[in-house]
Amino acid sequence: MVAMEENEKFATYKEFGKMLREVADLCAKYGDTPLYDSVPELKEKAYFVTNRGAYDAYIEPWMRDFSENPIDVTAAKKWAQQVNEKSTK
């Protein structure tokens, strides 16, 4: 069993970001495949980089929500940058 101190060194934004990037990289490999198409191997691969059950509890619902309410991420980032620039002036 892993000691609490050992767990705490990984309970950081940096490590959480690493996990999200790994899942994002796995998703990106499927390119323009619609999110509502089943990709069972994605779930299997995500288990290796997430906590057990995280795919079912968080990633799959987040993907489902995104497929039902998609956004243009590039446009959203551009808008956020414009808002940031205006707020710093």
PDB file of N, CA and C in Angstrom:
ATOM      1  N   MET A   1       0.842  -1.182   0.000  1.00  0.00           N
ATOM      2  CA  MET A   1       0.000   0.000   0.000  1.00  0.00           C
ATOM      3  C   MET A   1       0.885   1.241   0.000  1.00  0.00           C
ATOM      4  N   VAL A   2       0.501   2.240  -0.786  1.00  0.00           N
ATOM      5  CA  VAL A   2       1.292   3.459  -0.913  1.00  0.00           C
ATOM      6  C   VAL A   2       1.001   4.378   0.266  1.00  0.00           C
ATOM      7  N   ALA A   3       2.060   4.876   0.877  1.00  0.00           N
ATOM      8  CA  ALA A   3       1.909   5.777   2.017  1.00  0.00           C
ATOM      9  C   ALA A   3       1.279   7.093   1.568  1.00  0.00           C
ATOM     10  N   MET A   4       0.566   7.756   2.494  1.00  0.00           N
ATOM     11  CA  MET A   4      -0.096   9.023   2.192  1.00  0.00           C
ATOM     12  C   MET A   4       0.898  10.059   1.685  1.00  0.00           C
ATOM     13  N   GLU A   5       2.088  10.096   2.263  1.00  0.00           N
ATOM     14  CA  GLU A   5       3.102  11.060   1.826  1.00  0.00           C
ATOM     15  C   GLU A   5       3.468  10.827   0.365  1.00  0.00           C
ATOM     16  N   GLU A   6       3.517   9.575  -0.037  1.00  0.00           N
ATOM     17  CA  GLU A   6       3.838   9.222  -1.421  1.00  0.00           C
ATOM     18  C   GLU A   6       2.734   9.727  -2.353  1.00  0.00           C
ATOM     19  N   ASN A   7       1.475   9.552  -1.960  1.00  0.00           N
ATOM     20  CA  ASN A   7       0.353  10.030  -2.765  1.00  0.00           C
ATOM     21  C   ASN A   7       0.345  11.542  -2.887  1.00  0.00           C
ATOM     22  N   GLU A   8       0.660  12.226  -1.795  1.00  0.00           N
ATOM     23  CA  GLU A   8       0.601  13.681  -1.785  1.00  0.00           C
ATOM     24  C   GLU A   8       1.565  14.315  -2.775  1.00  0.00           C
ATOM     25  N   LYS A   9       2.702  13.691  -3.021  1.00  0.00           N
ATOM     26  CA  LYS A   9       3.645  14.293  -3.957  1.00  0.00           C
ATOM     27  C   LYS A   9       3.120  14.231  -5.397  1.00  0.00           C
ATOM     28  N   PHE A  10       2.135  13.375  -5.652  1.00  0.00           N
ATOM     29  CA  PHE A  10       1.544  13.293  -6.983  1.00  0.00           C
ATOM     30  C   PHE A  10       0.214  14.039  -7.073  1.00  0.00           C
ATOM     31  N   ALA A  11      -0.323  14.470  -5.931  1.00  0.00           N
ATOM     32  CA  ALA A  11      -1.590  15.197  -5.928  1.00  0.00           C
ATOM     33  C   ALA A  11      -1.324  16.674  -6.187  1.00  0.00           C
ATOM     34  N   THR A  12      -0.849  16.969  -7.407  1.00  0.00           N
ATOM     35  CA  THR A  12      -0.504  18.342  -7.779  1.00  0.00           C
ATOM     36  C   THR A  12      -1.178  18.693  -9.102  1.00  0.00           C
ATOM     37  N   TYR A  13      -1.296  19.982  -9.362  1.00  0.00           N
ATOM     38  CA  TYR A  13      -1.835  20.430 -10.647  1.00  0.00           C
ATOM     39  C   TYR A  13      -0.967  19.940 -11.796  1.00  0.00           C
ATOM     40  N   LYS A  14       0.334  19.897 -11.556  1.00  0.00           N
ATOM     41  CA  LYS A  14       1.258  19.435 -12.586  1.00  0.00           C
ATOM     42  C   LYS A  14       0.954  17.987 -12.986  1.00  0.00           C
ATOM     43  N   GLU A  15       0.802  17.109 -12.001  1.00  0.00           N
ATOM     44  CA  GLU A  15       0.518  15.705 -12.292  1.00  0.00           C
ATOM     45  C   GLU A  15      -0.873  15.536 -12.893  1.00  0.00           C
ATOM     46  N   PHE A  16      -1.837  16.303 -12.403  1.00  0.00           N
ATOM     47  CA  PHE A  16      -3.186  16.246 -12.961  1.00  0.00           C
ATOM     48  C   PHE A  16      -3.165  16.692 -14.425  1.00  0.00           C
ATOM     49  N   GLY A  17      -2.406  17.739 -14.712  1.00  0.00           N
ATOM     50  CA  GLY A  17      -2.253  18.207 -16.089  1.00  0.00           C
ATOM     51  C   GLY A  17      -1.622  17.152 -16.981  1.00  0.00           C
ATOM     52  N   LYS A  18      -0.625  16.442 -16.441  1.00  0.00           N
ATOM     53  CA  LYS A  18       0.003  15.358 -17.206  1.00  0.00           C
ATOM     54  C   LYS A  18      -1.024  14.301 -17.583  1.00  0.00           C
ATOM     55  N   MET A  19      -1.885  13.947 -16.617  1.00  0.00           N
ATOM     56  CA  MET A  19      -2.905  12.937 -16.881  1.00  0.00           C
ATOM     57  C   MET A  19      -3.867  13.429 -17.958  1.00  0.00           C
ATOM     58  N   LEU A  20      -4.313  14.682 -17.853  1.00  0.00           N
ATOM     59  CA  LEU A  20      -5.234  15.222 -18.854  1.00  0.00           C
ATOM     60  C   LEU A  20      -4.596  15.256 -20.238  1.00  0.00           C
ATOM     61  N   ARG A  21      -3.310  15.631 -20.302  1.00  0.00           N
ATOM     62  CA  ARG A  21      -2.615  15.658 -21.597  1.00  0.00           C
ATOM     63  C   ARG A  21      -2.504  14.259 -22.190  1.00  0.00           C
ATOM     64  N   GLU A  22      -2.236  13.270 -21.351  1.00  0.00           N
ATOM     65  CA  GLU A  22      -2.149  11.892 -21.848  1.00  0.00           C
ATOM     66  C   GLU A  22      -3.492  11.445 -22.433  1.00  0.00           C
ATOM     67  N   VAL A  23      -4.580  11.746 -21.730  1.00  0.00           N
ATOM     68  CA  VAL A  23      -5.905  11.381 -22.235  1.00  0.00           C
ATOM     69  C   VAL A  23      -6.192  12.171 -23.516  1.00  0.00           C
ATOM     70  N   ALA A  24      -5.833  13.451 -23.539  1.00  0.00           N
ATOM     71  CA  ALA A  24      -6.036  14.270 -24.740  1.00  0.00           C
ATOM     72  C   ALA A  24      -5.247  13.708 -25.919  1.00  0.00           C
ATOM     73  N   ASP A  25      -4.024  13.283 -25.675  1.00  0.00           N
ATOM     74  CA  ASP A  25      -3.214  12.691 -26.749  1.00  0.00           C
ATOM     75  C   ASP A  25      -3.846  11.403 -27.272  1.00  0.00           C
ATOM     76  N   LEU A  26      -4.404  10.600 -26.359  1.00  0.00           N
ATOM     77  CA  LEU A  26      -5.092   9.373 -26.790  1.00  0.00           C
ATOM     78  C   LEU A  26      -6.302   9.725 -27.657  1.00  0.00           C
ATOM     79  N   CYS A  27      -7.074  10.707 -27.233  1.00  0.00           N
ATOM     80  CA  CYS A  27      -8.256  11.123 -27.999  1.00  0.00           C
ATOM     81  C   CYS A  27      -7.856  11.677 -29.364  1.00  0.00           C
ATOM     82  N   ALA A  28      -6.798  12.455 -29.408  1.00  0.00           N
ATOM     83  CA  ALA A  28      -6.369  13.084 -30.658  1.00  0.00           C
ATOM     84  C   ALA A  28      -6.008  12.057 -31.719  1.00  0.00           C
ATOM     85  N   LYS A  29      -5.602  10.869 -31.312  1.00  0.00           N
ATOM     86  CA  LYS A  29      -5.237   9.829 -32.273  1.00  0.00           C
ATOM     87  C   LYS A  29      -6.428   9.376 -33.108  1.00  0.00           C
ATOM     88  N   TYR A  30      -7.646   9.661 -32.627  1.00  0.00           N
ATOM     89  CA  TYR A  30      -8.842   9.261 -33.373  1.00  0.00           C
ATOM     90  C   TYR A  30      -9.329  10.366 -34.303  1.00  0.00           C
ATOM     91  N   GLY A  31      -8.583  11.463 -34.361  1.00  0.00           N
ATOM     92  CA  GLY A  31      -8.836  12.535 -35.325  1.00  0.00           C
ATOM     93  C   GLY A  31     -10.277  12.989 -35.393  1.00  0.00           C
ATOM     94  N   ASP A  32     -10.843  12.938 -36.585  1.00  0.00           N
ATOM     95  CA  ASP A  32     -12.196  13.447 -36.818  1.00  0.00           C
ATOM     96  C   ASP A  32     -13.289  12.407 -36.587  1.00  0.00           C
ATOM     97  N   THR A  33     -12.966  11.322 -35.914  1.00  0.00           N
ATOM     98  CA  THR A  33     -13.988  10.339 -35.557  1.00  0.00           C
ATOM     99  C   THR A  33     -15.001  11.022 -34.641  1.00  0.00           C
ATOM    100  N   PRO A  34     -16.299  10.941 -34.959  1.00  0.00           N
ATOM    101  CA  PRO A  34     -17.304  11.578 -34.089  1.00  0.00           C
ATOM    102  C   PRO A  34     -17.265  11.000 -32.674  1.00  0.00           C
ATOM    103  N   LEU A  35     -17.448  11.862 -31.688  1.00  0.00           N
ATOM    104  CA  LEU A  35     -17.380  11.429 -30.292  1.00  0.00           C
ATOM    105  C   LEU A  35     -18.431  10.397 -29.944  1.00  0.00           C
ATOM    106  N   TYR A  36     -19.538  10.396 -30.642  1.00  0.00           N
ATOM    107  CA  TYR A  36     -20.583   9.431 -30.316  1.00  0.00           C
ATOM    108  C   TYR A  36     -20.309   8.052 -30.905  1.00  0.00           C
ATOM    109  N   ASP A  37     -19.260   7.911 -31.715  1.00  0.00           N
ATOM    110  CA  ASP A  37     -18.842   6.581 -32.182  1.00  0.00           C
ATOM    111  C   ASP A  37     -18.081   5.892 -31.053  1.00  0.00           C
ATOM    112  N   SER A  38     -18.404   4.659 -30.806  1.00  0.00           N
ATOM    113  CA  SER A  38     -17.763   3.910 -29.732  1.00  0.00           C
ATOM    114  C   SER A  38     -16.316   3.578 -30.092  1.00  0.00           C
ATOM    115  N   VAL A  39     -15.416   3.833 -29.164  1.00  0.00           N
ATOM    116  CA  VAL A  39     -14.001   3.507 -29.336  1.00  0.00           C
ATOM    117  C   VAL A  39     -13.543   2.782 -28.055  1.00  0.00           C
ATOM    118  N   PRO A  40     -13.888   1.493 -27.946  1.00  0.00           N
ATOM    119  CA  PRO A  40     -13.573   0.750 -26.711  1.00  0.00           C
ATOM    120  C   PRO A  40     -12.096   0.764 -26.342  1.00  0.00           C
ATOM    121  N   GLU A  41     -11.215   0.744 -27.342  1.00  0.00           N
ATOM    122  CA  GLU A  41      -9.785   0.715 -27.019  1.00  0.00           C
ATOM    123  C   GLU A  41      -9.330   2.008 -26.348  1.00  0.00           C
ATOM    124  N   LEU A  42     -10.059   3.120 -26.570  1.00  0.00           N
ATOM    125  CA  LEU A  42      -9.713   4.370 -25.896  1.00  0.00           C
ATOM    126  C   LEU A  42      -9.897   4.199 -24.389  1.00  0.00           C
ATOM    127  N   LYS A  43     -10.987   3.593 -23.994  1.00  0.00           N
ATOM    128  CA  LYS A  43     -11.243   3.354 -22.575  1.00  0.00           C
ATOM    129  C   LYS A  43     -10.148   2.474 -21.982  1.00  0.00           C
ATOM    130  N   GLU A  44      -9.788   1.427 -22.686  1.00  0.00           N
ATOM    131  CA  GLU A  44      -8.747   0.524 -22.199  1.00  0.00           C
ATOM    132  C   GLU A  44      -7.418   1.261 -22.040  1.00  0.00           C
ATOM    133  N   LYS A  45      -7.059   2.083 -23.024  1.00  0.00           N
ATOM    134  CA  LYS A  45      -5.795   2.818 -22.960  1.00  0.00           C
ATOM    135  C   LYS A  45      -5.824   3.893 -21.881  1.00  0.00           C
ATOM    136  N   ALA A  46      -6.980   4.523 -21.694  1.00  0.00           N
ATOM    137  CA  ALA A  46      -7.092   5.583 -20.687  1.00  0.00           C
ATOM    138  C   ALA A  46      -6.932   5.026 -19.281  1.00  0.00           C
ATOM    139  N   TYR A  47      -7.315   3.771 -19.071  1.00  0.00           N
ATOM    140  CA  TYR A  47      -7.154   3.159 -17.746  1.00  0.00           C
ATOM    141  C   TYR A  47      -5.702   3.166 -17.297  1.00  0.00           C
ATOM    142  N   PHE A  48      -4.765   3.142 -18.239  1.00  0.00           N
ATOM    143  CA  PHE A  48      -3.348   3.108 -17.873  1.00  0.00           C
ATOM    144  C   PHE A  48      -2.834   4.455 -17.384  1.00  0.00           C
ATOM    145  N   VAL A  49      -3.532   5.547 -17.714  1.00  0.00           N
ATOM    146  CA  VAL A  49      -3.047   6.878 -17.330  1.00  0.00           C
ATOM    147  C   VAL A  49      -3.993   7.607 -16.381  1.00  0.00           C
ATOM    148  N   THR A  50      -5.109   6.974 -15.996  1.00  0.00           N
ATOM    149  CA  THR A  50      -6.045   7.603 -15.066  1.00  0.00           C
ATOM    150  C   THR A  50      -6.239   6.696 -13.860  1.00  0.00           C
ATOM    151  N   ASN A  51      -6.835   7.266 -12.837  1.00  0.00           N
ATOM    152  CA  ASN A  51      -7.223   6.437 -11.688  1.00  0.00           C
ATOM    153  C   ASN A  51      -8.311   5.481 -12.139  1.00  0.00           C
ATOM    154  N   ARG A  52      -8.349   4.325 -11.528  1.00  0.00           N
ATOM    155  CA  ARG A  52      -9.368   3.327 -11.873  1.00  0.00           C
ATOM    156  C   ARG A  52     -10.756   3.962 -11.700  1.00  0.00           C
ATOM    157  N   GLY A  53     -11.580   3.843 -12.704  1.00  0.00           N
ATOM    158  CA  GLY A  53     -12.930   4.380 -12.649  1.00  0.00           C
ATOM    159  C   GLY A  53     -13.049   5.813 -13.128  1.00  0.00           C
ATOM    160  N   ALA A  54     -11.930   6.509 -13.308  1.00  0.00           N
ATOM    161  CA  ALA A  54     -11.990   7.904 -13.728  1.00  0.00           C
ATOM    162  C   ALA A  54     -12.584   8.053 -15.121  1.00  0.00           C
ATOM    163  N   TYR A  55     -12.318   7.099 -15.991  1.00  0.00           N
ATOM    164  CA  TYR A  55     -12.863   7.182 -17.345  1.00  0.00           C
ATOM    165  C   TYR A  55     -14.389   7.179 -17.297  1.00  0.00           C
ATOM    166  N   ASP A  56     -14.962   6.199 -16.585  1.00  0.00           N
ATOM    167  CA  ASP A  56     -16.423   6.099 -16.492  1.00  0.00           C
ATOM    168  C   ASP A  56     -17.037   7.267 -15.734  1.00  0.00           C
ATOM    169  N   ALA A  57     -16.364   7.719 -14.699  1.00  0.00           N
ATOM    170  CA  ALA A  57     -16.920   8.764 -13.846  1.00  0.00           C
ATOM    171  C   ALA A  57     -16.760  10.170 -14.409  1.00  0.00           C
ATOM    172  N   TYR A  58     -15.658  10.429 -15.124  1.00  0.00           N
ATOM    173  CA  TYR A  58     -15.370  11.797 -15.537  1.00  0.00           C
ATOM    174  C   TYR A  58     -15.140  11.974 -17.038  1.00  0.00           C
ATOM    175  N   ILE A  59     -14.286  11.166 -17.603  1.00  0.00           N
ATOM    176  CA  ILE A  59     -13.880  11.376 -18.988  1.00  0.00           C
ATOM    177  C   ILE A  59     -15.022  11.085 -19.957  1.00  0.00           C
ATOM    178  N   GLU A  60     -15.655   9.920 -19.825  1.00  0.00           N
ATOM    179  CA  GLU A  60     -16.745   9.576 -20.741  1.00  0.00           C
ATOM    180  C   GLU A  60     -17.913  10.559 -20.635  1.00  0.00           C
ATOM    181  N   PRO A  61     -18.365  10.940 -19.421  1.00  0.00           N
ATOM    182  CA  PRO A  61     -19.437  11.945 -19.349  1.00  0.00           C
ATOM    183  C   PRO A  61     -19.027  13.292 -19.932  1.00  0.00           C
ATOM    184  N   TRP A  62     -17.755  13.674 -19.756  1.00  0.00           N
ATOM    185  CA  TRP A  62     -17.266  14.937 -20.295  1.00  0.00           C
ATOM    186  C   TRP A  62     -17.261  14.884 -21.824  1.00  0.00           C
ATOM    187  N   MET A  63     -16.844  13.755 -22.383  1.00  0.00           N
ATOM    188  CA  MET A  63     -16.869  13.598 -23.842  1.00  0.00           C
ATOM    189  C   MET A  63     -18.311  13.621 -24.360  1.00  0.00           C
ATOM    190  N   ARG A  64     -19.223  12.960 -23.652  1.00  0.00           N
ATOM    191  CA  ARG A  64     -20.625  12.938 -24.055  1.00  0.00           C
ATOM    192  C   ARG A  64     -21.208  14.352 -24.020  1.00  0.00           C
ATOM    193  N   ASP A  65     -20.908  15.098 -22.958  1.00  0.00           N
ATOM    194  CA  ASP A  65     -21.395  16.472 -22.843  1.00  0.00           C
ATOM    195  C   ASP A  65     -20.841  17.336 -23.970  1.00  0.00           C
ATOM    196  N   PHE A  66     -19.561  17.164 -24.269  1.00  0.00           N
ATOM    197  CA  PHE A  66     -18.945  17.941 -25.354  1.00  0.00           C
ATOM    198  C   PHE A  66     -19.588  17.595 -26.697  1.00  0.00           C
ATOM    199  N   SER A  67     -19.904  16.318 -26.922  1.00  0.00           N
ATOM    200  CA  SER A  67     -20.515  15.935 -28.196  1.00  0.00           C
ATOM    201  C   SER A  67     -21.927  16.502 -28.313  1.00  0.00           C
ATOM    202  N   GLU A  68     -22.618  16.686 -27.196  1.00  0.00           N
ATOM    203  CA  GLU A  68     -23.964  17.258 -27.210  1.00  0.00           C
ATOM    204  C   GLU A  68     -23.939  18.779 -27.270  1.00  0.00           C
ATOM    205  N   ASN A  69     -22.873  19.385 -26.773  1.00  0.00           N
ATOM    206  CA  ASN A  69     -22.729  20.850 -26.748  1.00  0.00           C
ATOM    207  C   ASN A  69     -21.327  21.239 -27.196  1.00  0.00           C
ATOM    208  N   PRO A  70     -20.979  20.938 -28.456  1.00  0.00           N
ATOM    209  CA  PRO A  70     -19.603  21.205 -28.906  1.00  0.00           C
ATOM    210  C   PRO A  70     -19.323  22.707 -29.020  1.00  0.00           C
ATOM    211  N   ILE A  71     -18.072  23.054 -28.843  1.00  0.00           N
ATOM    212  CA  ILE A  71     -17.624  24.429 -29.025  1.00  0.00           C
ATOM    213  C   ILE A  71     -16.389  24.423 -29.921  1.00  0.00           C
ATOM    214  N   ASP A  72     -16.128  25.561 -30.532  1.00  0.00           N
ATOM    215  CA  ASP A  72     -14.903  25.747 -31.300  1.00  0.00           C
ATOM    216  C   ASP A  72     -13.838  26.183 -30.296  1.00  0.00           C
ATOM    217  N   VAL A  73     -12.999  25.270 -29.899  1.00  0.00           N
ATOM    218  CA  VAL A  73     -12.014  25.531 -28.848  1.00  0.00           C
ATOM    219  C   VAL A  73     -11.045  26.633 -29.268  1.00  0.00           C
ATOM    220  N   THR A  74     -10.652  26.648 -30.536  1.00  0.00           N
ATOM    221  CA  THR A  74      -9.727  27.687 -31.013  1.00  0.00           C
ATOM    222  C   THR A  74     -10.365  29.065 -30.877  1.00  0.00           C
ATOM    223  N   ALA A  75     -11.625  29.186 -31.266  1.00  0.00           N
ATOM    224  CA  ALA A  75     -12.332  30.466 -31.143  1.00  0.00           C
ATOM    225  C   ALA A  75     -12.508  30.852 -29.674  1.00  0.00           C
ATOM    226  N   ALA A  76     -12.786  29.882 -28.820  1.00  0.00           N
ATOM    227  CA  ALA A  76     -12.953  30.154 -27.393  1.00  0.00           C
ATOM    228  C   ALA A  76     -11.657  30.658 -26.773  1.00  0.00           C
ATOM    229  N   LYS A  77     -10.532  30.048 -27.163  1.00  0.00           N
ATOM    230  CA  LYS A  77      -9.237  30.500 -26.649  1.00  0.00           C
ATOM    231  C   LYS A  77      -8.937  31.914 -27.120  1.00  0.00           C
ATOM    232  N   LYS A  78      -9.262  32.220 -28.368  1.00  0.00           N
ATOM    233  CA  LYS A  78      -9.032  33.562 -28.915  1.00  0.00           C
ATOM    234  C   LYS A  78      -9.877  34.584 -28.157  1.00  0.00           C
ATOM    235  N   TRP A  79     -11.135  34.253 -27.909  1.00  0.00           N
ATOM    236  CA  TRP A  79     -12.020  35.145 -27.171  1.00  0.00           C
ATOM    237  C   TRP A  79     -11.488  35.367 -25.758  1.00  0.00           C
ATOM    238  N   ALA A  80     -11.056  34.303 -25.081  1.00  0.00           N
ATOM    239  CA  ALA A  80     -10.515  34.414 -23.721  1.00  0.00           C
ATOM    240  C   ALA A  80      -9.282  35.316 -23.704  1.00  0.00           C
ATOM    241  N   GLN A  81      -8.445  35.187 -24.729  1.00  0.00           N
ATOM    242  CA  GLN A  81      -7.254  36.032 -24.811  1.00  0.00           C
ATOM    243  C   GLN A  81      -7.655  37.496 -24.972  1.00  0.00           C
ATOM    244  N   GLN A  82      -8.660  37.769 -25.801  1.00  0.00           N
ATOM    245  CA  GLN A  82      -9.131  39.144 -25.992  1.00  0.00           C
ATOM    246  C   GLN A  82      -9.696  39.716 -24.691  1.00  0.00           C
ATOM    247  N   VAL A  83     -10.449  38.914 -23.973  1.00  0.00           N
ATOM    248  CA  VAL A  83     -11.008  39.348 -22.697  1.00  0.00           C
ATOM    249  C   VAL A  83      -9.888  39.653 -21.712  1.00  0.00           C
ATOM    250  N   ASN A  84      -8.887  38.771 -21.667  1.00  0.00           N
ATOM    251  CA  ASN A  84      -7.726  38.987 -20.778  1.00  0.00           C
ATOM    252  C   ASN A  84      -6.996  40.273 -21.116  1.00  0.00           C
ATOM    253  N   GLU A  85      -6.781  40.513 -22.405  1.00  0.00           N
ATOM    254  CA  GLU A  85      -6.069  41.708 -22.840  1.00  0.00           C
ATOM    255  C   GLU A  85      -6.837  42.971 -22.466  1.00  0.00           C
ATOM    256  N   LYS A  86      -8.152  42.955 -22.601  1.00  0.00           N
ATOM    257  CA  LYS A  86      -8.974  44.125 -22.244  1.00  0.00           C
ATOM    258  C   LYS A  86      -8.969  44.361 -20.757  1.00  0.00           C
ATOM    259  N   SER A  87      -8.953  43.291 -19.980  1.00  0.00           N
ATOM    260  CA  SER A  87      -9.000  43.439 -18.517  1.00  0.00           C
ATOM    261  C   SER A  87      -7.671  43.916 -17.944  1.00  0.00           C
ATOM    262  N   THR A  88      -6.583  43.766 -18.670  1.00  0.00           N
ATOM    263  CA  THR A  88      -5.275  44.203 -18.181  1.00  0.00           C
ATOM    264  C   THR A  88      -4.935  45.613 -18.641  1.00  0.00           C
ATOM    265  N   LYS A  89      -5.790  46.204 -19.460  1.00  0.00           N
ATOM    266  CA  LYS A  89      -5.522  47.571 -19.946  1.00  0.00           C
ATOM    267  C   LYS A  89      -6.065  48.598 -19.003  1.00  0.00           C
TER     268      LYS A  89
END
